[in-house]
Amino acid sequence: MTKSLTAKVVALTAALALLLTGCGKKTESVGDGKDKPITIGVVGASQEQWTVFTKKAEEAGIKVEIKDFTDYTTENPAVKDGSLDANQFQHLLYLARYNKDQNADLVPIASTAIYPLALYSKKHTKLEDIPQGAQIAVPNDETNKSRALHVLAEAKLLKLKDGTGVIAAEEDIDTAASKVKVSPMDAQQTVTALSSIDGAVVNNDFVADAGLDPKKALFSDDASSKAAEPYINVFVVRKADANNETLLKLGKLFADKDVRAALAKDSGGSAVFVDKTPEELQKILAEVTASLK
């Protein structure tokens, strides 16, 4: 091959590589929210907090589009690939597990609240009425199932084996020493299961829509304790957007008194508000991530 032909081949190869590189999906940086809305993924977009939040954002000159999701599986991938600018549906433990499993680097930039995780029943009115061998529904995603098992352990309905950490699973249950059996299922289906089994640990996202009263829960964990920090719900963005001024402004809106009043109403008064800086949240996230198996 001549030097001239070799040079042409090299040039053509370089041009082709550049063209192919440009064909990949490009995640654009988030703008100022004036011309193009900031898209936020949530579970339960019909809740009053999102109407108030959107109005407050508009008053601050930021257009927001709230996108509704019915489960917890797609919001993080959508932020990671740029389909969403942010999401607000998860606690820090859930985010830590996602980042670790998917080699992602999503980050929290604002805190909202901790919601007690509670046990409900349509068959029993008191915790002590739950019989031996009772069937209890729990969410089947790893982090919420783990929290549910700890809730049932605190309620003395089941016993976890010695050495069980923040992440608990079925194999960590001491069945011989436990009063109840658990039935993992999609978080949304735990509400439906209340019609046919003894009880269910129901995520806060589905409590209001199901007409459940948090004050009538048979048991719930202590959302104000230090041990509850992994369950702080957070406003999440891509790492590249962690210092974006528009997103940080939106994050601060979660502390607005009107937004909090709506959130408190949506949660049936159960929400425990949390005020943490982005740096504090990211430190807790790092600690929780380090504790995962």
C-alpha atoms as a PDB file:
ATOM      1  CA  MET A   1       0.000   0.000   0.000  1.00  0.00           C
ATOM      2  CA  THR A   2       1.419   3.400  -0.916  1.00  0.00           C
ATOM      3  CA  LYS A   3       1.992   6.134   1.616  1.00  0.00           C
ATOM      4  CA  SER A   4      -0.643   8.266  -0.147  1.00  0.00           C
ATOM      5  CA  LEU A   5      -3.266   5.506   0.017  1.00  0.00           C
ATOM      6  CA  THR A   6      -2.377   4.740   3.630  1.00  0.00           C
ATOM      7  CA  ALA A   7      -2.898   8.383   4.601  1.00  0.00           C
ATOM      8  CA  LYS A   8      -6.286   8.405   2.877  1.00  0.00           C
ATOM      9  CA  VAL A   9      -7.364   5.238   4.692  1.00  0.00           C
ATOM     10  CA  VAL A  10      -6.281   6.679   8.061  1.00  0.00           C
ATOM     11  CA  ALA A  11      -8.143   9.911   7.372  1.00  0.00           C
ATOM     12  CA  LEU A  12     -11.274   8.044   6.283  1.00  0.00           C
ATOM     13  CA  THR A  13     -11.161   5.804   9.389  1.00  0.00           C
ATOM     14  CA  ALA A  14     -10.819   8.830  11.674  1.00  0.00           C
ATOM     15  CA  ALA A  15     -13.734  10.580   9.989  1.00  0.00           C
ATOM     16  CA  LEU A  16     -15.906   7.480  10.247  1.00  0.00           C
ATOM     17  CA  ALA A  17     -15.075   7.071  13.947  1.00  0.00           C
ATOM     18  CA  LEU A  18     -16.020  10.705  14.578  1.00  0.00           C
ATOM     19  CA  LEU A  19     -19.313  10.226  12.741  1.00  0.00           C
ATOM     20  CA  LEU A  20     -20.177   7.074  14.707  1.00  0.00           C
ATOM     21  CA  THR A  21     -19.347   8.822  17.974  1.00  0.00           C
ATOM     22  CA  GLY A  22     -21.858  11.508  17.117  1.00  0.00           C
ATOM     23  CA  CYS A  23     -24.559   8.886  16.576  1.00  0.00           C
ATOM     24  CA  GLY A  24     -24.673   7.870  20.240  1.00  0.00           C
ATOM     25  CA  LYS A  25     -27.276   9.268  22.654  1.00  0.00           C
ATOM     26  CA  LYS A  26     -26.159  12.613  23.995  1.00  0.00           C
ATOM     27  CA  THR A  27     -27.240  13.632  27.475  1.00  0.00           C
ATOM     28  CA  GLU A  28     -27.600  17.396  27.346  1.00  0.00           C
ATOM     29  CA  SER A  29     -27.053  19.528  30.403  1.00  0.00           C
ATOM     30  CA  VAL A  30     -30.220  20.831  32.029  1.00  0.00           C
ATOM     31  CA  GLY A  31     -31.145  24.383  31.019  1.00  0.00           C
ATOM     32  CA  ASP A  32     -32.751  27.198  32.981  1.00  0.00           C
ATOM     33  CA  GLY A  33     -36.279  25.829  32.692  1.00  0.00           C
ATOM     34  CA  LYS A  34     -37.595  28.907  30.887  1.00  0.00           C
ATOM     35  CA  ASP A  35     -37.884  27.675  27.311  1.00  0.00           C
ATOM     36  CA  LYS A  36     -37.807  23.931  27.937  1.00  0.00           C
ATOM     37  CA  PRO A  37     -39.522  22.483  31.038  1.00  0.00           C
ATOM     38  CA  ILE A  38     -37.531  20.677  33.694  1.00  0.00           C
ATOM     39  CA  THR A  39     -38.893  17.121  33.692  1.00  0.00           C
ATOM     40  CA  ILE A  40     -39.290  15.408  37.054  1.00  0.00           C
ATOM     41  CA  GLY A  41     -40.357  11.783  37.487  1.00  0.00           C
ATOM     42  CA  VAL A  42     -42.571  10.975  40.483  1.00  0.00           C
ATOM     43  CA  VAL A  43     -44.922   8.280  41.738  1.00  0.00           C
ATOM     44  CA  GLY A  44     -48.341   9.832  42.395  1.00  0.00           C
ATOM     45  CA  ALA A  45     -48.349  12.981  40.235  1.00  0.00           C
ATOM     46  CA  SER A  46     -51.966  13.685  41.210  1.00  0.00           C
ATOM     47  CA  GLN A  47     -50.964  14.493  44.787  1.00  0.00           C
ATOM     48  CA  GLU A  48     -51.517  18.081  45.868  1.00  0.00           C
ATOM     49  CA  GLN A  49     -47.836  18.628  46.647  1.00  0.00           C
ATOM     50  CA  TRP A  50     -46.990  18.485  42.938  1.00  0.00           C
ATOM     51  CA  THR A  51     -49.644  21.055  42.006  1.00  0.00           C
ATOM     52  CA  VAL A  52     -48.274  23.421  44.640  1.00  0.00           C
ATOM     53  CA  PHE A  53     -44.657  22.627  43.732  1.00  0.00           C
ATOM     54  CA  THR A  54     -45.262  23.344  40.021  1.00  0.00           C
ATOM     55  CA  LYS A  55     -46.985  26.638  40.846  1.00  0.00           C
ATOM     56  CA  LYS A  56     -44.114  27.716  43.101  1.00  0.00           C
ATOM     57  CA  ALA A  57     -41.610  26.817  40.379  1.00  0.00           C
ATOM     58  CA  GLU A  58     -43.512  28.914  37.834  1.00  0.00           C
ATOM     59  CA  GLU A  59     -43.508  31.843  40.257  1.00  0.00           C
ATOM     60  CA  ALA A  60     -39.719  31.451  40.364  1.00  0.00           C
ATOM     61  CA  GLY A  61     -39.595  31.536  36.554  1.00  0.00           C
ATOM     62  CA  ILE A  62     -39.021  27.808  36.085  1.00  0.00           C
ATOM     63  CA  LYS A  63     -41.262  25.615  33.955  1.00  0.00           C
ATOM     64  CA  VAL A  64     -41.693  22.153  35.414  1.00  0.00           C
ATOM     65  CA  GLU A  65     -43.262  19.071  33.870  1.00  0.00           C
ATOM     66  CA  ILE A  66     -44.185  16.350  36.358  1.00  0.00           C
ATOM     67  CA  LYS A  67     -44.132  12.885  34.791  1.00  0.00           C
ATOM     68  CA  ASP A  68     -46.092  10.155  36.548  1.00  0.00           C
ATOM     69  CA  PHE A  69     -44.803   6.609  37.097  1.00  0.00           C
ATOM     70  CA  THR A  70     -46.702   3.719  38.649  1.00  0.00           C
ATOM     71  CA  ASP A  71     -43.730   1.771  40.029  1.00  0.00           C
ATOM     72  CA  TYR A  72     -40.112   2.271  41.069  1.00  0.00           C
ATOM     73  CA  THR A  73     -38.222   0.592  38.243  1.00  0.00           C
ATOM     74  CA  THR A  74     -37.863   3.169  35.472  1.00  0.00           C
ATOM     75  CA  GLU A  75     -37.363   6.599  37.052  1.00  0.00           C
ATOM     76  CA  ASN A  76     -33.641   6.185  37.785  1.00  0.00           C
ATOM     77  CA  PRO A  77     -32.749   4.778  34.339  1.00  0.00           C
ATOM     78  CA  ALA A  78     -34.672   7.700  32.815  1.00  0.00           C
ATOM     79  CA  VAL A  79     -32.574  10.223  34.750  1.00  0.00           C
ATOM     80  CA  LYS A  80     -29.388   8.339  33.955  1.00  0.00           C
ATOM     81  CA  ASP A  81     -30.042   8.380  30.186  1.00  0.00           C
ATOM     82  CA  GLY A  82     -31.353  11.956  30.106  1.00  0.00           C
ATOM     83  CA  SER A  83     -35.023  11.164  29.460  1.00  0.00           C
ATOM     84  CA  LEU A  84     -35.747  12.922  32.767  1.00  0.00           C
ATOM     85  CA  ASP A  85     -33.887  15.815  34.344  1.00  0.00           C
ATOM     86  CA  ALA A  86     -34.597  14.645  37.889  1.00  0.00           C
ATOM     87  CA  ASN A  87     -36.792  12.421  39.992  1.00  0.00           C
ATOM     88  CA  GLN A  88     -38.314  12.448  43.459  1.00  0.00           C
ATOM     89  CA  PHE A  89     -39.695   9.118  44.598  1.00  0.00           C
ATOM     90  CA  GLN A  90     -36.970   7.238  46.488  1.00  0.00           C
ATOM     91  CA  HIS A  91     -35.039   7.134  49.700  1.00  0.00           C
ATOM     92  CA  LEU A  92     -31.253   7.066  49.998  1.00  0.00           C
ATOM     93  CA  LEU A  93     -31.023   3.310  50.513  1.00  0.00           C
ATOM     94  CA  TYR A  94     -32.923   2.648  47.290  1.00  0.00           C
ATOM     95  CA  LEU A  95     -30.672   5.105  45.435  1.00  0.00           C
ATOM     96  CA  ALA A  96     -27.521   3.523  46.894  1.00  0.00           C
ATOM     97  CA  ARG A  97     -28.557   0.070  45.711  1.00  0.00           C
ATOM     98  CA  TYR A  98     -29.420   1.343  42.233  1.00  0.00           C
ATOM     99  CA  ASN A  99     -26.119   3.193  41.839  1.00  0.00           C
ATOM    100  CA  LYS A 100     -24.122   0.191  43.027  1.00  0.00           C
ATOM    101  CA  ASP A 101     -25.945  -2.373  40.888  1.00  0.00           C
ATOM    102  CA  GLN A 102     -26.070  -0.267  37.731  1.00  0.00           C
ATOM    103  CA  ASN A 103     -22.671   1.435  38.030  1.00  0.00           C
ATOM    104  CA  ALA A 104     -24.501   4.774  38.078  1.00  0.00           C
ATOM    105  CA  ASP A 105     -23.650   8.032  39.818  1.00  0.00           C
ATOM    106  CA  LEU A 106     -26.996   9.711  40.452  1.00  0.00           C
ATOM    107  CA  VAL A 107     -26.840  12.131  43.380  1.00  0.00           C
ATOM    108  CA  PRO A 108     -29.286  13.666  45.869  1.00  0.00           C
ATOM    109  CA  ILE A 109     -29.398  17.460  45.992  1.00  0.00           C
ATOM    110  CA  ALA A 110     -32.376  18.031  48.312  1.00  0.00           C
ATOM    111  CA  SER A 111     -34.231  16.194  51.051  1.00  0.00           C
ATOM    112  CA  THR A 112     -37.989  16.031  51.443  1.00  0.00           C
ATOM    113  CA  ALA A 113     -39.145  13.813  54.283  1.00  0.00           C
ATOM    114  CA  ILE A 114     -38.960  10.437  55.937  1.00  0.00           C
ATOM    115  CA  TYR A 115     -42.214   8.522  55.859  1.00  0.00           C
ATOM    116  CA  PRO A 116     -42.870   5.880  58.486  1.00  0.00           C
ATOM    117  CA  LEU A 117     -43.306   2.459  56.905  1.00  0.00           C
ATOM    118  CA  ALA A 118     -46.434   0.988  58.409  1.00  0.00           C
ATOM    119  CA  LEU A 119     -48.301  -2.275  58.830  1.00  0.00           C
ATOM    120  CA  TYR A 120     -52.009  -2.173  57.944  1.00  0.00           C
ATOM    121  CA  SER A 121     -54.779  -4.719  58.271  1.00  0.00           C
ATOM    122  CA  LYS A 122     -58.454  -4.922  57.327  1.00  0.00           C
ATOM    123  CA  LYS A 123     -58.964  -8.055  59.424  1.00  0.00           C
ATOM    124  CA  HIS A 124     -57.380  -6.980  62.711  1.00  0.00           C
ATOM    125  CA  THR A 125     -57.547  -3.769  64.712  1.00  0.00           C
ATOM    126  CA  LYS A 126     -54.690  -4.459  67.128  1.00  0.00           C
ATOM    127  CA  LEU A 127     -51.174  -5.809  66.650  1.00  0.00           C
ATOM    128  CA  GLU A 128     -51.700  -8.544  69.216  1.00  0.00           C
ATOM    129  CA  ASP A 129     -54.721  -9.839  67.277  1.00  0.00           C
ATOM    130  CA  ILE A 130     -52.541 -11.045  64.408  1.00  0.00           C
ATOM    131  CA  PRO A 131     -52.514 -14.860  64.725  1.00  0.00           C
ATOM    132  CA  GLN A 132     -49.666 -17.338  64.578  1.00  0.00           C
ATOM    133  CA  GLY A 133     -48.884 -18.194  60.958  1.00  0.00           C
ATOM    134  CA  ALA A 134     -50.546 -15.044  59.607  1.00  0.00           C
ATOM    135  CA  GLN A 135     -49.652 -13.988  56.078  1.00  0.00           C
ATOM    136  CA  ILE A 136     -48.222 -10.473  55.691  1.00  0.00           C
ATOM    137  CA  ALA A 137     -47.596  -8.832  52.309  1.00  0.00           C
ATOM    138  CA  VAL A 138     -44.369  -6.844  51.883  1.00  0.00           C
ATOM    139  CA  PRO A 139     -42.918  -4.939  48.900  1.00  0.00           C
ATOM    140  CA  ASN A 140     -40.710  -7.156  46.740  1.00  0.00           C
ATOM    141  CA  ASP A 141     -38.040  -4.621  45.732  1.00  0.00           C
ATOM    142  CA  GLU A 142     -34.909  -5.268  47.749  1.00  0.00           C
ATOM    143  CA  THR A 143     -34.632  -2.097  49.810  1.00  0.00           C
ATOM    144  CA  ASN A 144     -38.302  -1.654  50.704  1.00  0.00           C
ATOM    145  CA  LYS A 145     -38.662  -5.367  51.437  1.00  0.00           C
ATOM    146  CA  SER A 146     -35.660  -5.091  53.742  1.00  0.00           C
ATOM    147  CA  ARG A 147     -37.165  -2.145  55.582  1.00  0.00           C
ATOM    148  CA  ALA A 148     -40.503  -3.990  55.845  1.00  0.00           C
ATOM    149  CA  LEU A 149     -38.806  -7.002  57.420  1.00  0.00           C
ATOM    150  CA  HIS A 150     -37.136  -4.746  59.966  1.00  0.00           C
ATOM    151  CA  VAL A 151     -40.532  -3.148  60.691  1.00  0.00           C
ATOM    152  CA  LEU A 152     -42.076  -6.578  61.330  1.00  0.00           C
ATOM    153  CA  ALA A 153     -39.095  -7.478  63.509  1.00  0.00           C
ATOM    154  CA  GLU A 154     -39.570  -4.281  65.562  1.00  0.00           C
ATOM    155  CA  ALA A 155     -43.238  -5.224  65.908  1.00  0.00           C
ATOM    156  CA  LYS A 156     -42.128  -8.624  67.287  1.00  0.00           C
ATOM    157  CA  LEU A 157     -43.998 -10.447  64.506  1.00  0.00           C
ATOM    158  CA  LEU A 158     -40.854 -12.030  63.092  1.00  0.00           C
ATOM    159  CA  LYS A 159     -37.292 -12.542  64.189  1.00  0.00           C
ATOM    160  CA  LEU A 160     -34.260 -11.765  62.052  1.00  0.00           C
ATOM    161  CA  LYS A 161     -31.146 -13.874  62.445  1.00  0.00           C
ATOM    162  CA  ASP A 162     -28.252 -12.441  64.432  1.00  0.00           C
ATOM    163  CA  GLY A 163     -25.911 -10.399  62.251  1.00  0.00           C
ATOM    164  CA  THR A 164     -28.566  -9.264  59.777  1.00  0.00           C
ATOM    165  CA  GLY A 165     -27.554  -5.872  58.402  1.00  0.00           C
ATOM    166  CA  VAL A 166     -29.432  -2.960  56.863  1.00  0.00           C
ATOM    167  CA  ILE A 167     -30.391  -5.192  53.920  1.00  0.00           C
ATOM    168  CA  ALA A 168     -32.547  -8.103  55.041  1.00  0.00           C
ATOM    169  CA  ALA A 169     -34.107 -10.818  52.878  1.00  0.00           C
ATOM    170  CA  GLU A 170     -36.198 -13.962  53.339  1.00  0.00           C
ATOM    171  CA  GLU A 171     -33.131 -16.059  54.129  1.00  0.00           C
ATOM    172  CA  ASP A 172     -32.412 -13.766  57.109  1.00  0.00           C
ATOM    173  CA  ILE A 173     -35.710 -14.668  58.801  1.00  0.00           C
ATOM    174  CA  ASP A 174     -35.616 -17.108  61.702  1.00  0.00           C
ATOM    175  CA  THR A 175     -38.829 -18.857  60.672  1.00  0.00           C
ATOM    176  CA  ALA A 176     -39.018 -21.087  63.752  1.00  0.00           C
ATOM    177  CA  ALA A 177     -38.986 -18.054  66.038  1.00  0.00           C
ATOM    178  CA  SER A 178     -41.328 -15.916  63.893  1.00  0.00           C
ATOM    179  CA  LYS A 179     -45.073 -15.447  64.344  1.00  0.00           C
ATOM    180  CA  VAL A 180     -45.901 -14.481  60.733  1.00  0.00           C
ATOM    181  CA  LYS A 181     -44.965 -15.448  57.195  1.00  0.00           C
ATOM    182  CA  VAL A 182     -44.204 -12.867  54.527  1.00  0.00           C
ATOM    183  CA  SER A 183     -45.442 -12.694  50.945  1.00  0.00           C
ATOM    184  CA  PRO A 184     -43.248 -10.398  48.803  1.00  0.00           C
ATOM    185  CA  MET A 185     -45.106  -8.708  45.932  1.00  0.00           C
ATOM    186  CA  ASP A 186     -45.080  -5.557  43.827  1.00  0.00           C
ATOM    187  CA  ALA A 187     -45.349  -2.590  46.190  1.00  0.00           C
ATOM    188  CA  GLN A 188     -48.558  -1.410  44.562  1.00  0.00           C
ATOM    189  CA  GLN A 189     -50.164  -4.837  45.042  1.00  0.00           C
ATOM    190  CA  THR A 190     -49.681  -4.843  48.813  1.00  0.00           C
ATOM    191  CA  VAL A 191     -52.771  -2.639  49.070  1.00  0.00           C
ATOM    192  CA  THR A 192     -54.887  -5.079  47.041  1.00  0.00           C
ATOM    193  CA  ALA A 193     -53.640  -7.956  49.191  1.00  0.00           C
ATOM    194  CA  LEU A 194     -55.221  -6.393  52.287  1.00  0.00           C
ATOM    195  CA  SER A 195     -58.568  -7.763  51.142  1.00  0.00           C
ATOM    196  CA  SER A 196     -57.439 -11.367  51.338  1.00  0.00           C
ATOM    197  CA  ILE A 197     -54.638 -11.731  53.893  1.00  0.00           C
ATOM    198  CA  ASP A 198     -53.958 -10.713  57.490  1.00  0.00           C
ATOM    199  CA  GLY A 199     -51.960  -7.607  56.808  1.00  0.00           C
ATOM    200  CA  ALA A 200     -49.556  -5.689  54.575  1.00  0.00           C
ATOM    201  CA  VAL A 201     -46.640  -3.323  54.952  1.00  0.00           C
ATOM    202  CA  VAL A 202     -47.609  -0.532  52.552  1.00  0.00           C
ATOM    203  CA  ASN A 203     -45.304   2.099  51.071  1.00  0.00           C
ATOM    204  CA  ASN A 204     -46.420   5.678  51.699  1.00  0.00           C
ATOM    205  CA  ASP A 205     -46.844   6.344  47.948  1.00  0.00           C
ATOM    206  CA  PHE A 206     -49.917   4.112  47.913  1.00  0.00           C
ATOM    207  CA  VAL A 207     -51.465   4.856  51.315  1.00  0.00           C
ATOM    208  CA  ALA A 208     -53.597   7.883  50.396  1.00  0.00           C
ATOM    209  CA  ASP A 209     -54.869   6.489  47.090  1.00  0.00           C
ATOM    210  CA  ALA A 210     -55.916   3.299  48.887  1.00  0.00           C
ATOM    211  CA  GLY A 211     -57.898   5.284  51.443  1.00  0.00           C
ATOM    212  CA  LEU A 212     -55.752   4.066  54.326  1.00  0.00           C
ATOM    213  CA  ASP A 213     -55.446   6.176  57.452  1.00  0.00           C
ATOM    214  CA  PRO A 214     -51.863   6.292  58.830  1.00  0.00           C
ATOM    215  CA  LYS A 215     -53.333   6.853  62.296  1.00  0.00           C
ATOM    216  CA  LYS A 216     -54.961   3.423  62.083  1.00  0.00           C
ATOM    217  CA  ALA A 217     -51.790   1.565  61.173  1.00  0.00           C
ATOM    218  CA  LEU A 218     -51.095  -1.325  63.536  1.00  0.00           C
ATOM    219  CA  PHE A 219     -47.396  -0.469  63.735  1.00  0.00           C
ATOM    220  CA  SER A 220     -44.792   1.760  62.058  1.00  0.00           C
ATOM    221  CA  ASP A 221     -41.088   2.438  62.426  1.00  0.00           C
ATOM    222  CA  ASP A 222     -39.680   5.600  64.025  1.00  0.00           C
ATOM    223  CA  ALA A 223     -39.026   8.072  61.217  1.00  0.00           C
ATOM    224  CA  SER A 224     -37.328  10.560  63.563  1.00  0.00           C
ATOM    225  CA  SER A 225     -34.560   8.194  64.679  1.00  0.00           C
ATOM    226  CA  LYS A 226     -30.939   8.234  63.506  1.00  0.00           C
ATOM    227  CA  ALA A 227     -31.478   4.713  62.160  1.00  0.00           C
ATOM    228  CA  ALA A 228     -34.038   6.129  59.733  1.00  0.00           C
ATOM    229  CA  GLU A 229     -31.503   8.276  57.818  1.00  0.00           C
ATOM    230  CA  PRO A 230     -31.148   5.731  54.967  1.00  0.00           C
ATOM    231  CA  TYR A 231     -34.866   6.293  54.365  1.00  0.00           C
ATOM    232  CA  ILE A 232     -34.664  10.049  53.769  1.00  0.00           C
ATOM    233  CA  ASN A 233     -36.546  10.728  50.538  1.00  0.00           C
ATOM    234  CA  VAL A 234     -34.533  12.795  48.105  1.00  0.00           C
ATOM    235  CA  PHE A 235     -34.588  14.889  44.933  1.00  0.00           C
ATOM    236  CA  VAL A 236     -32.149  13.157  42.551  1.00  0.00           C
ATOM    237  CA  VAL A 237     -30.206  14.295  39.479  1.00  0.00           C
ATOM    238  CA  ARG A 238     -27.230  13.204  37.377  1.00  0.00           C
ATOM    239  CA  LYS A 239     -23.845  13.902  38.925  1.00  0.00           C
ATOM    240  CA  ALA A 240     -23.033  16.262  36.054  1.00  0.00           C
ATOM    241  CA  ASP A 241     -26.052  18.384  37.073  1.00  0.00           C
ATOM    242  CA  ALA A 242     -25.408  18.388  40.830  1.00  0.00           C
ATOM    243  CA  ASN A 243     -24.400  22.058  40.774  1.00  0.00           C
ATOM    244  CA  ASN A 244     -26.993  23.217  38.238  1.00  0.00           C
ATOM    245  CA  GLU A 245     -28.482  26.435  39.627  1.00  0.00           C
ATOM    246  CA  THR A 246     -31.986  25.757  38.316  1.00  0.00           C
ATOM    247  CA  LEU A 247     -32.148  22.279  39.824  1.00  0.00           C
ATOM    248  CA  LEU A 248     -30.769  23.551  43.138  1.00  0.00           C
ATOM    249  CA  LYS A 249     -33.503  26.224  43.185  1.00  0.00           C
ATOM    250  CA  LEU A 250     -36.105  23.533  42.622  1.00  0.00           C
ATOM    251  CA  GLY A 251     -34.561  21.468  45.401  1.00  0.00           C
ATOM    252  CA  LYS A 252     -35.010  24.339  47.833  1.00  0.00           C
ATOM    253  CA  LEU A 253     -38.725  24.466  46.993  1.00  0.00           C
ATOM    254  CA  PHE A 254     -39.216  21.209  48.878  1.00  0.00           C
ATOM    255  CA  ALA A 255     -38.668  23.260  52.052  1.00  0.00           C
ATOM    256  CA  ASP A 256     -41.308  25.846  51.064  1.00  0.00           C
ATOM    257  CA  LYS A 257     -44.034  26.027  53.716  1.00  0.00           C
ATOM    258  CA  ASP A 258     -46.875  25.644  51.206  1.00  0.00           C
ATOM    259  CA  VAL A 259     -45.235  22.644  49.535  1.00  0.00           C
ATOM    260  CA  ARG A 260     -44.680  21.068  52.948  1.00  0.00           C
ATOM    261  CA  ALA A 261     -48.269  21.747  53.973  1.00  0.00           C
ATOM    262  CA  ALA A 262     -49.489  19.939  50.850  1.00  0.00           C
ATOM    263  CA  LEU A 263     -47.028  17.095  51.403  1.00  0.00           C
ATOM    264  CA  ALA A 264     -48.188  16.738  55.010  1.00  0.00           C
ATOM    265  CA  LYS A 265     -51.787  16.545  53.811  1.00  0.00           C
ATOM    266  CA  ASP A 266     -50.903  13.968  51.135  1.00  0.00           C
ATOM    267  CA  SER A 267     -49.153  11.815  53.741  1.00  0.00           C
ATOM    268  CA  GLY A 268     -52.008  11.963  56.217  1.00  0.00           C
ATOM    269  CA  GLY A 269     -49.789  13.934  58.566  1.00  0.00           C
ATOM    270  CA  SER A 270     -47.208  11.148  58.780  1.00  0.00           C
ATOM    271  CA  ALA A 271     -44.323  12.863  56.966  1.00  0.00           C
ATOM    272  CA  VAL A 272     -41.309  13.812  59.078  1.00  0.00           C
ATOM    273  CA  PHE A 273     -39.620  16.691  57.257  1.00  0.00           C
ATOM    274  CA  VAL A 274     -35.868  16.597  56.777  1.00  0.00           C
ATOM    275  CA  ASP A 275     -33.532  19.539  56.181  1.00  0.00           C
ATOM    276  CA  LYS A 276     -30.188  18.314  54.881  1.00  0.00           C
ATOM    277  CA  THR A 277     -27.722  20.028  52.570  1.00  0.00           C
ATOM    278  CA  PRO A 278     -26.669  18.339  49.327  1.00  0.00           C
ATOM    279  CA  GLU A 279     -23.281  17.646  50.919  1.00  0.00           C
ATOM    280  CA  GLU A 280     -24.867  16.005  53.969  1.00  0.00           C
ATOM    281  CA  LEU A 281     -27.130  13.859  51.811  1.00  0.00           C
ATOM    282  CA  GLN A 282     -24.262  12.762  49.603  1.00  0.00           C
ATOM    283  CA  LYS A 283     -22.221  11.835  52.684  1.00  0.00           C
ATOM    284  CA  ILE A 284     -25.069   9.689  54.031  1.00  0.00           C
ATOM    285  CA  LEU A 285     -25.458   8.124  50.571  1.00  0.00           C
ATOM    286  CA  ALA A 286     -21.763   7.197  50.561  1.00  0.00           C
ATOM    287  CA  GLU A 287     -22.057   5.617  54.023  1.00  0.00           C
ATOM    288  CA  VAL A 288     -25.172   3.653  53.062  1.00  0.00           C
ATOM    289  CA  THR A 289     -23.534   2.481  49.833  1.00  0.00           C
ATOM    290  CA  ALA A 290     -20.484   1.267  51.768  1.00  0.00           C
ATOM    291  CA  SER A 291     -22.770  -0.806  54.021  1.00  0.00           C
ATOM    292  CA  LEU A 292     -24.324  -2.740  51.132  1.00  0.00           C
ATOM    293  CA  LYS A 293     -23.229  -6.307  50.439  1.00  0.00           C
END
